[in-house]
Amino acid sequence: MRIDLTSMDLTSEEKRLIEYAEEAIVKYNKMRHAKGDIDTLYGFVLSDSGAIYDGACYEPNPTICGERHAIATMVLYESNKAKIKSIVVADPVPDLQEHGTPPCGTCRQIIWTQGTSETTVILMQYIQGKDGWTFPKLEKYTISELFPHPYEPKEGLWDNVRLL
């Protein structure tokens, strides 16, 4: 089962990112299962260069989210100047949920900082069944919708303050 991507308001680049994410999820989960592991949350970043970067959640404490892993990989390969055009957050679910898993607060701040106000965040649910993985639901937001009041330091805010 797969979402009909033509029924959603997606750019061609977002469609490419989603199709890439679906294939990568199957590949990575097969690798994980072969080693006795389970499905996990993945992040897939489309940078402003057009390149796609993958990340997987590291779940022992402290957790490193899949989104942060993918963003760090983008920065590693491109630089801190690279910008996120779109990010897919793919989370395994036991059955179809009303809403997908959004990025945590820290990830929202990092997406805001490394993206633009129009960076899209696509929430993808995936389910493992007897015949493989299905992708029953996608939701699309801008980071501004998910993070309407980001922290942005103001240059010079404390310049005129005298310390006692």
N, C-alpha and C. Protein backbone atom coordinates (compact mmCIF):
# COMPACT_ATOMS: atom_id res chain seq x y z
N MET A 1 0.85 -1.18 0.00
CA MET A 1 0.00 0.00 0.00
C MET A 1 0.89 1.24 0.00
N ARG A 2 0.54 2.15 -0.85
CA ARG A 2 1.33 3.36 -1.02
C ARG A 2 0.40 4.52 -1.28
N ILE A 3 0.73 5.66 -0.73
CA ILE A 3 -0.04 6.89 -0.94
C ILE A 3 0.06 7.28 -2.41
N ASP A 4 -1.05 7.75 -2.97
CA ASP A 4 -1.04 8.30 -4.31
C ASP A 4 -0.47 9.71 -4.22
N LEU A 5 0.77 9.88 -4.64
CA LEU A 5 1.44 11.16 -4.50
C LEU A 5 0.81 12.25 -5.36
N THR A 6 0.05 11.86 -6.39
CA THR A 6 -0.59 12.87 -7.23
C THR A 6 -1.77 13.52 -6.52
N SER A 7 -2.25 12.90 -5.44
CA SER A 7 -3.39 13.47 -4.71
C SER A 7 -2.96 14.52 -3.69
N MET A 8 -1.65 14.71 -3.51
CA MET A 8 -1.14 15.68 -2.54
C MET A 8 -0.48 16.84 -3.26
N ASP A 9 -0.41 17.97 -2.58
CA ASP A 9 0.26 19.15 -3.11
C ASP A 9 1.75 19.03 -2.83
N LEU A 10 2.45 18.34 -3.70
CA LEU A 10 3.88 18.09 -3.53
C LEU A 10 4.65 18.59 -4.74
N THR A 11 5.84 19.14 -4.51
CA THR A 11 6.70 19.51 -5.62
C THR A 11 7.33 18.23 -6.18
N SER A 12 7.92 18.34 -7.35
CA SER A 12 8.59 17.17 -7.93
C SER A 12 9.77 16.75 -7.04
N GLU A 13 10.45 17.70 -6.42
CA GLU A 13 11.55 17.37 -5.52
C GLU A 13 11.06 16.64 -4.28
N GLU A 14 9.92 17.05 -3.73
CA GLU A 14 9.34 16.37 -2.57
C GLU A 14 8.92 14.95 -2.93
N LYS A 15 8.36 14.77 -4.12
CA LYS A 15 8.00 13.42 -4.58
C LYS A 15 9.24 12.54 -4.69
N ARG A 16 10.31 13.09 -5.22
CA ARG A 16 11.57 12.34 -5.34
C ARG A 16 12.09 11.96 -3.96
N LEU A 17 12.01 12.89 -3.01
CA LEU A 17 12.45 12.61 -1.64
C LEU A 17 11.61 11.50 -1.00
N ILE A 18 10.30 11.56 -1.19
CA ILE A 18 9.40 10.55 -0.61
C ILE A 18 9.69 9.17 -1.21
N GLU A 19 9.83 9.11 -2.52
CA GLU A 19 10.11 7.83 -3.17
C GLU A 19 11.46 7.27 -2.70
N TYR A 20 12.44 8.14 -2.58
CA TYR A 20 13.75 7.73 -2.06
C TYR A 20 13.60 7.18 -0.64
N ALA A 21 12.86 7.90 0.21
CA ALA A 21 12.68 7.49 1.61
C ALA A 21 12.02 6.12 1.70
N GLU A 22 11.00 5.88 0.89
CA GLU A 22 10.32 4.57 0.93
C GLU A 22 11.29 3.44 0.60
N GLU A 23 12.09 3.62 -0.45
CA GLU A 23 13.05 2.57 -0.82
C GLU A 23 14.12 2.39 0.27
N ALA A 24 14.59 3.49 0.83
CA ALA A 24 15.63 3.42 1.86
C ALA A 24 15.10 2.75 3.13
N ILE A 25 13.87 3.04 3.51
CA ILE A 25 13.28 2.43 4.71
C ILE A 25 13.25 0.92 4.58
N VAL A 26 12.83 0.43 3.43
CA VAL A 26 12.79 -1.02 3.21
C VAL A 26 14.21 -1.59 3.29
N LYS A 27 15.16 -0.94 2.62
CA LYS A 27 16.56 -1.41 2.62
C LYS A 27 17.12 -1.42 4.03
N TYR A 28 16.98 -0.30 4.75
CA TYR A 28 17.56 -0.22 6.09
C TYR A 28 16.88 -1.17 7.07
N ASN A 29 15.57 -1.30 6.99
CA ASN A 29 14.88 -2.20 7.91
C ASN A 29 15.25 -3.66 7.65
N LYS A 30 15.44 -4.04 6.40
CA LYS A 30 15.89 -5.40 6.11
C LYS A 30 17.27 -5.63 6.72
N MET A 31 18.16 -4.64 6.62
CA MET A 31 19.49 -4.74 7.21
C MET A 31 19.38 -4.86 8.74
N ARG A 32 18.54 -4.05 9.34
CA ARG A 32 18.37 -4.07 10.80
C ARG A 32 17.80 -5.40 11.26
N HIS A 33 16.79 -5.90 10.56
CA HIS A 33 16.17 -7.17 10.94
C HIS A 33 17.17 -8.33 10.83
N ALA A 34 18.03 -8.29 9.82
CA ALA A 34 19.03 -9.35 9.64
C ALA A 34 19.99 -9.41 10.82
N LYS A 35 20.11 -8.29 11.54
CA LYS A 35 21.00 -8.23 12.71
C LYS A 35 20.23 -8.28 14.02
N GLY A 36 18.95 -8.66 13.94
CA GLY A 36 18.14 -8.80 15.14
C GLY A 36 17.58 -7.51 15.70
N ASP A 37 17.62 -6.44 14.93
CA ASP A 37 17.12 -5.15 15.40
C ASP A 37 15.69 -4.91 14.89
N ILE A 38 15.12 -3.79 15.27
CA ILE A 38 13.74 -3.47 14.92
C ILE A 38 13.69 -2.22 14.04
N ASP A 39 12.50 -1.93 13.50
CA ASP A 39 12.29 -0.72 12.72
C ASP A 39 12.50 0.50 13.62
N THR A 40 12.85 1.62 13.01
CA THR A 40 13.09 2.84 13.79
C THR A 40 12.61 4.06 13.01
N LEU A 41 12.69 5.21 13.65
CA LEU A 41 12.37 6.47 13.00
C LEU A 41 13.56 6.88 12.14
N TYR A 42 13.26 7.31 10.92
CA TYR A 42 14.29 7.78 10.00
C TYR A 42 14.00 9.23 9.62
N GLY A 43 15.07 9.94 9.31
CA GLY A 43 14.95 11.28 8.74
C GLY A 43 15.64 11.29 7.39
N PHE A 44 15.04 11.99 6.44
CA PHE A 44 15.62 12.13 5.10
C PHE A 44 15.55 13.60 4.72
N VAL A 45 16.71 14.19 4.46
CA VAL A 45 16.80 15.62 4.18
C VAL A 45 17.10 15.84 2.70
N LEU A 46 16.36 16.75 2.09
CA LEU A 46 16.66 17.24 0.75
C LEU A 46 17.29 18.62 0.93
N SER A 47 18.55 18.76 0.54
CA SER A 47 19.24 20.04 0.72
C SER A 47 18.97 20.95 -0.48
N ASP A 48 19.36 22.20 -0.32
CA ASP A 48 19.17 23.15 -1.41
C ASP A 48 20.06 22.84 -2.61
N SER A 49 21.02 21.93 -2.45
CA SER A 49 21.85 21.49 -3.58
C SER A 49 21.15 20.39 -4.40
N GLY A 50 20.07 19.84 -3.84
CA GLY A 50 19.36 18.73 -4.49
C GLY A 50 19.76 17.37 -3.97
N ALA A 51 20.78 17.31 -3.13
CA ALA A 51 21.24 16.03 -2.57
C ALA A 51 20.31 15.59 -1.44
N ILE A 52 20.24 14.27 -1.23
CA ILE A 52 19.42 13.69 -0.17
C ILE A 52 20.35 13.02 0.84
N TYR A 53 20.06 13.25 2.12
CA TYR A 53 20.85 12.68 3.21
C TYR A 53 19.94 11.90 4.14
N ASP A 54 20.46 10.76 4.64
CA ASP A 54 19.69 9.86 5.49
C ASP A 54 20.15 9.96 6.93
N GLY A 55 19.22 9.66 7.83
CA GLY A 55 19.56 9.57 9.25
C GLY A 55 18.64 8.58 9.92
N ALA A 56 19.14 7.92 10.95
CA ALA A 56 18.34 6.97 11.72
C ALA A 56 18.39 7.36 13.18
N CYS A 57 17.33 7.09 13.88
CA CYS A 57 17.26 7.37 15.30
C CYS A 57 18.19 6.43 16.07
N TYR A 58 18.94 7.00 16.98
CA TYR A 58 19.79 6.24 17.90
C TYR A 58 19.09 6.30 19.24
N GLU A 59 18.54 5.16 19.69
CA GLU A 59 17.60 5.19 20.79
C GLU A 59 18.12 4.96 22.20
N PRO A 60 19.33 4.47 22.41
CA PRO A 60 19.79 4.43 23.80
C PRO A 60 19.88 5.86 24.35
N ASN A 61 19.79 6.00 25.66
CA ASN A 61 19.82 7.34 26.23
C ASN A 61 21.22 7.92 26.19
N PRO A 62 21.41 9.17 25.77
CA PRO A 62 20.37 10.04 25.25
C PRO A 62 20.06 9.69 23.80
N THR A 63 18.82 9.92 23.41
CA THR A 63 18.39 9.64 22.05
C THR A 63 18.91 10.70 21.09
N ILE A 64 19.32 10.27 19.91
CA ILE A 64 19.65 11.18 18.82
C ILE A 64 18.61 10.91 17.74
N CYS A 65 17.81 11.90 17.44
CA CYS A 65 16.71 11.73 16.49
C CYS A 65 17.22 11.52 15.07
N GLY A 66 16.44 10.81 14.27
CA GLY A 66 16.78 10.58 12.87
C GLY A 66 16.92 11.86 12.08
N GLU A 67 16.11 12.87 12.43
CA GLU A 67 16.18 14.14 11.73
C GLU A 67 17.55 14.81 11.95
N ARG A 68 17.99 14.83 13.22
CA ARG A 68 19.28 15.45 13.54
C ARG A 68 20.42 14.70 12.87
N HIS A 69 20.32 13.38 12.83
CA HIS A 69 21.36 12.58 12.18
C HIS A 69 21.45 12.96 10.70
N ALA A 70 20.30 13.05 10.01
CA ALA A 70 20.30 13.40 8.59
C ALA A 70 20.82 14.82 8.36
N ILE A 71 20.44 15.75 9.24
CA ILE A 71 20.89 17.14 9.10
C ILE A 71 22.40 17.22 9.32
N ALA A 72 22.90 16.50 10.33
CA ALA A 72 24.34 16.49 10.58
C ALA A 72 25.10 15.92 9.39
N THR A 73 24.55 14.91 8.75
CA THR A 73 25.19 14.32 7.57
C THR A 73 25.22 15.34 6.42
N MET A 74 24.12 16.10 6.26
CA MET A 74 24.09 17.15 5.23
C MET A 74 25.19 18.17 5.50
N VAL A 75 25.31 18.62 6.74
CA VAL A 75 26.33 19.60 7.09
C VAL A 75 27.73 19.03 6.89
N LEU A 76 27.93 17.76 7.24
CA LEU A 76 29.22 17.11 7.04
C LEU A 76 29.65 17.16 5.58
N TYR A 77 28.72 16.84 4.68
CA TYR A 77 29.06 16.77 3.26
C TYR A 77 29.02 18.12 2.55
N GLU A 78 28.19 19.05 3.02
CA GLU A 78 28.04 20.30 2.28
C GLU A 78 28.61 21.52 2.99
N SER A 79 28.35 21.69 4.26
CA SER A 79 28.83 22.79 5.11
C SER A 79 27.66 23.31 5.92
N ASN A 80 27.99 24.17 6.87
CA ASN A 80 26.94 24.79 7.69
C ASN A 80 26.08 25.74 6.88
N LYS A 81 26.51 26.10 5.68
CA LYS A 81 25.73 27.00 4.84
C LYS A 81 24.63 26.29 4.07
N ALA A 82 24.67 24.96 4.04
CA ALA A 82 23.63 24.20 3.33
C ALA A 82 22.29 24.45 4.00
N LYS A 83 21.24 24.49 3.20
CA LYS A 83 19.89 24.72 3.71
C LYS A 83 19.00 23.51 3.40
N ILE A 84 18.08 23.25 4.31
CA ILE A 84 17.11 22.16 4.13
C ILE A 84 15.94 22.69 3.30
N LYS A 85 15.69 22.04 2.16
CA LYS A 85 14.49 22.37 1.38
C LYS A 85 13.29 21.62 1.94
N SER A 86 13.52 20.33 2.23
CA SER A 86 12.43 19.48 2.71
C SER A 86 13.03 18.37 3.56
N ILE A 87 12.24 17.89 4.52
CA ILE A 87 12.67 16.78 5.35
C ILE A 87 11.50 15.82 5.55
N VAL A 88 11.77 14.53 5.43
CA VAL A 88 10.79 13.49 5.71
C VAL A 88 11.12 12.90 7.08
N VAL A 89 10.11 12.82 7.93
CA VAL A 89 10.23 12.14 9.22
C VAL A 89 9.38 10.88 9.10
N ALA A 90 10.03 9.73 9.04
CA ALA A 90 9.34 8.45 8.80
C ALA A 90 9.36 7.62 10.07
N ASP A 91 8.18 7.34 10.60
CA ASP A 91 8.07 6.64 11.87
C ASP A 91 7.27 5.35 11.71
N PRO A 92 7.78 4.23 12.26
CA PRO A 92 7.01 2.99 12.22
C PRO A 92 5.84 3.07 13.18
N VAL A 93 4.70 2.60 12.73
CA VAL A 93 3.49 2.56 13.57
C VAL A 93 2.86 1.18 13.46
N PRO A 94 2.15 0.74 14.52
CA PRO A 94 1.53 -0.59 14.46
C PRO A 94 0.33 -0.64 13.53
N ASP A 95 -0.37 0.49 13.40
CA ASP A 95 -1.48 0.63 12.47
C ASP A 95 -1.65 2.12 12.19
N LEU A 96 -2.49 2.45 11.23
CA LEU A 96 -2.67 3.83 10.80
C LEU A 96 -3.05 4.72 11.98
N GLN A 97 -2.32 5.81 12.15
CA GLN A 97 -2.56 6.77 13.22
C GLN A 97 -3.21 8.03 12.63
N GLU A 98 -3.90 8.78 13.49
CA GLU A 98 -4.54 10.01 13.02
C GLU A 98 -3.49 10.98 12.48
N HIS A 99 -2.35 11.10 13.19
CA HIS A 99 -1.27 12.00 12.76
C HIS A 99 0.07 11.29 12.87
N GLY A 100 0.97 11.67 11.98
CA GLY A 100 2.32 11.15 12.04
C GLY A 100 3.10 11.78 13.18
N THR A 101 4.29 11.28 13.41
CA THR A 101 5.14 11.78 14.48
C THR A 101 5.89 13.03 14.00
N PRO A 102 5.64 14.17 14.65
CA PRO A 102 6.37 15.37 14.25
C PRO A 102 7.75 15.42 14.89
N PRO A 103 8.63 16.27 14.38
CA PRO A 103 9.94 16.42 15.01
C PRO A 103 9.79 16.92 16.45
N CYS A 104 10.74 16.52 17.31
CA CYS A 104 10.75 17.02 18.69
C CYS A 104 11.12 18.50 18.67
N GLY A 105 11.07 19.14 19.82
CA GLY A 105 11.37 20.57 19.90
C GLY A 105 12.77 20.92 19.45
N THR A 106 13.75 20.13 19.87
CA THR A 106 15.13 20.39 19.47
C THR A 106 15.27 20.26 17.96
N CYS A 107 14.68 19.23 17.38
CA CYS A 107 14.76 19.04 15.93
C CYS A 107 14.06 20.18 15.19
N ARG A 108 12.92 20.65 15.72
CA ARG A 108 12.24 21.78 15.09
C ARG A 108 13.15 23.00 15.06
N GLN A 109 13.84 23.26 16.16
CA GLN A 109 14.76 24.41 16.20
C GLN A 109 15.88 24.24 15.19
N ILE A 110 16.44 23.03 15.09
CA ILE A 110 17.53 22.79 14.15
C ILE A 110 17.03 22.89 12.71
N ILE A 111 15.85 22.36 12.43
CA ILE A 111 15.28 22.49 11.07
C ILE A 111 15.06 23.96 10.75
N TRP A 112 14.55 24.73 11.71
CA TRP A 112 14.34 26.17 11.51
C TRP A 112 15.68 26.86 11.21
N THR A 113 16.69 26.55 12.02
CA THR A 113 18.00 27.19 11.89
C THR A 113 18.69 26.79 10.59
N GLN A 114 18.56 25.53 10.18
CA GLN A 114 19.27 25.03 9.00
C GLN A 114 18.41 25.10 7.74
N GLY A 115 17.17 25.55 7.89
CA GLY A 115 16.28 25.67 6.75
C GLY A 115 15.84 27.10 6.54
N THR A 116 14.65 27.25 5.99
CA THR A 116 14.02 28.55 5.84
C THR A 116 12.61 28.43 6.40
N SER A 117 11.89 29.52 6.49
CA SER A 117 10.53 29.45 7.02
C SER A 117 9.62 28.59 6.14
N GLU A 118 10.02 28.38 4.89
CA GLU A 118 9.22 27.58 3.95
C GLU A 118 9.71 26.14 3.81
N THR A 119 10.71 25.75 4.58
CA THR A 119 11.16 24.35 4.56
C THR A 119 9.98 23.46 4.87
N THR A 120 9.77 22.44 4.05
CA THR A 120 8.65 21.54 4.27
C THR A 120 9.07 20.35 5.12
N VAL A 121 8.14 19.95 5.98
CA VAL A 121 8.33 18.80 6.86
C VAL A 121 7.23 17.81 6.50
N ILE A 122 7.62 16.64 6.03
CA ILE A 122 6.66 15.62 5.61
C ILE A 122 6.69 14.48 6.62
N LEU A 123 5.57 14.24 7.24
CA LEU A 123 5.44 13.17 8.22
C LEU A 123 4.95 11.93 7.50
N MET A 124 5.70 10.84 7.61
CA MET A 124 5.38 9.60 6.92
C MET A 124 5.18 8.49 7.95
N GLN A 125 4.06 7.81 7.84
CA GLN A 125 3.84 6.63 8.67
C GLN A 125 4.18 5.40 7.84
N TYR A 126 4.83 4.42 8.47
CA TYR A 126 5.06 3.17 7.76
C TYR A 126 4.77 2.00 8.69
N ILE A 127 4.28 0.92 8.07
CA ILE A 127 3.83 -0.26 8.81
C ILE A 127 4.49 -1.49 8.21
N GLN A 128 5.02 -2.35 9.08
CA GLN A 128 5.54 -3.62 8.60
C GLN A 128 4.43 -4.65 8.65
N GLY A 129 4.21 -5.30 7.52
CA GLY A 129 3.23 -6.37 7.45
C GLY A 129 3.89 -7.67 7.00
N LYS A 130 3.08 -8.69 6.78
CA LYS A 130 3.62 -9.99 6.35
C LYS A 130 4.36 -9.90 5.02
N ASP A 131 3.89 -9.02 4.15
CA ASP A 131 4.46 -8.92 2.81
C ASP A 131 5.43 -7.75 2.65
N GLY A 132 5.89 -7.18 3.75
CA GLY A 132 6.83 -6.05 3.66
C GLY A 132 6.24 -4.81 4.31
N TRP A 133 6.73 -3.67 3.87
CA TRP A 133 6.35 -2.40 4.47
C TRP A 133 5.37 -1.66 3.59
N THR A 134 4.43 -1.00 4.25
CA THR A 134 3.47 -0.15 3.54
C THR A 134 3.61 1.27 4.08
N PHE A 135 3.16 2.22 3.29
CA PHE A 135 3.29 3.64 3.60
C PHE A 135 1.91 4.28 3.46
N PRO A 136 1.06 4.12 4.49
CA PRO A 136 -0.34 4.49 4.34
C PRO A 136 -0.68 5.97 4.47
N LYS A 137 0.23 6.79 5.04
CA LYS A 137 -0.19 8.17 5.26
C LYS A 137 1.00 9.12 5.27
N LEU A 138 0.77 10.29 4.62
CA LEU A 138 1.72 11.40 4.63
C LEU A 138 0.99 12.66 5.06
N GLU A 139 1.69 13.53 5.75
CA GLU A 139 1.18 14.86 6.06
C GLU A 139 2.30 15.85 5.72
N LYS A 140 1.93 16.99 5.19
CA LYS A 140 2.93 17.99 4.81
C LYS A 140 2.66 19.31 5.54
N TYR A 141 3.72 19.85 6.13
CA TYR A 141 3.66 21.13 6.83
C TYR A 141 4.88 21.95 6.43
N THR A 142 4.82 23.25 6.69
CA THR A 142 6.05 24.04 6.66
C THR A 142 6.58 24.05 8.08
N ILE A 143 7.88 24.30 8.23
CA ILE A 143 8.43 24.37 9.58
C ILE A 143 7.77 25.53 10.35
N SER A 144 7.35 26.57 9.65
CA SER A 144 6.66 27.69 10.31
C SER A 144 5.36 27.25 10.95
N GLU A 145 4.67 26.29 10.33
CA GLU A 145 3.43 25.78 10.92
C GLU A 145 3.71 24.94 12.16
N LEU A 146 4.78 24.16 12.13
CA LEU A 146 5.12 23.29 13.26
C LEU A 146 5.87 24.04 14.36
N PHE A 147 6.46 25.16 14.02
CA PHE A 147 7.31 25.89 14.96
C PHE A 147 7.06 27.38 14.78
N PRO A 148 5.87 27.85 15.21
CA PRO A 148 5.48 29.24 14.91
C PRO A 148 6.26 30.30 15.68
N HIS A 149 6.90 29.95 16.78
CA HIS A 149 7.62 30.95 17.59
C HIS A 149 9.04 30.48 17.88
N PRO A 150 9.90 30.45 16.85
CA PRO A 150 11.26 29.95 17.06
C PRO A 150 12.10 30.92 17.87
N TYR A 151 13.11 30.38 18.50
CA TYR A 151 14.10 31.19 19.20
C TYR A 151 15.07 31.73 18.17
N GLU A 152 15.21 33.03 18.15
CA GLU A 152 16.18 33.67 17.27
C GLU A 152 16.89 34.75 18.08
N PRO A 153 18.17 34.54 18.38
CA PRO A 153 18.89 35.55 19.16
C PRO A 153 18.93 36.88 18.42
N LYS A 154 18.82 37.96 19.16
CA LYS A 154 18.84 39.29 18.56
C LYS A 154 20.24 39.88 18.72
N GLU A 155 20.88 40.18 17.61
CA GLU A 155 22.21 40.79 17.62
C GLU A 155 22.12 42.14 18.34
N GLY A 156 23.07 42.39 19.21
CA GLY A 156 23.16 43.68 19.87
C GLY A 156 22.20 43.91 21.02
N LEU A 157 21.39 42.93 21.37
CA LEU A 157 20.38 43.10 22.42
C LEU A 157 20.99 43.59 23.73
N TRP A 158 22.17 43.10 24.07
CA TRP A 158 22.79 43.42 25.35
C TRP A 158 23.96 44.40 25.21
N ASP A 159 24.12 44.99 24.06
CA ASP A 159 25.29 45.86 23.83
C ASP A 159 25.35 47.07 24.77
N ASN A 160 24.23 47.63 25.13
CA ASN A 160 24.22 48.85 25.95
C ASN A 160 24.01 48.59 27.43
N VAL A 161 24.12 47.38 27.86
CA VAL A 161 23.94 47.03 29.26
C VAL A 161 25.28 47.13 29.97
N ARG A 162 25.26 47.84 31.09
CA ARG A 162 26.49 47.95 31.89
C ARG A 162 26.46 46.90 32.97
N LEU A 163 27.52 46.18 33.10
CA LEU A 163 27.63 45.19 34.15
C LEU A 163 28.07 45.87 35.43
N LEU A 164 27.49 45.47 36.53
CA LEU A 164 27.85 46.04 37.84
C LEU A 164 29.06 45.38 38.42
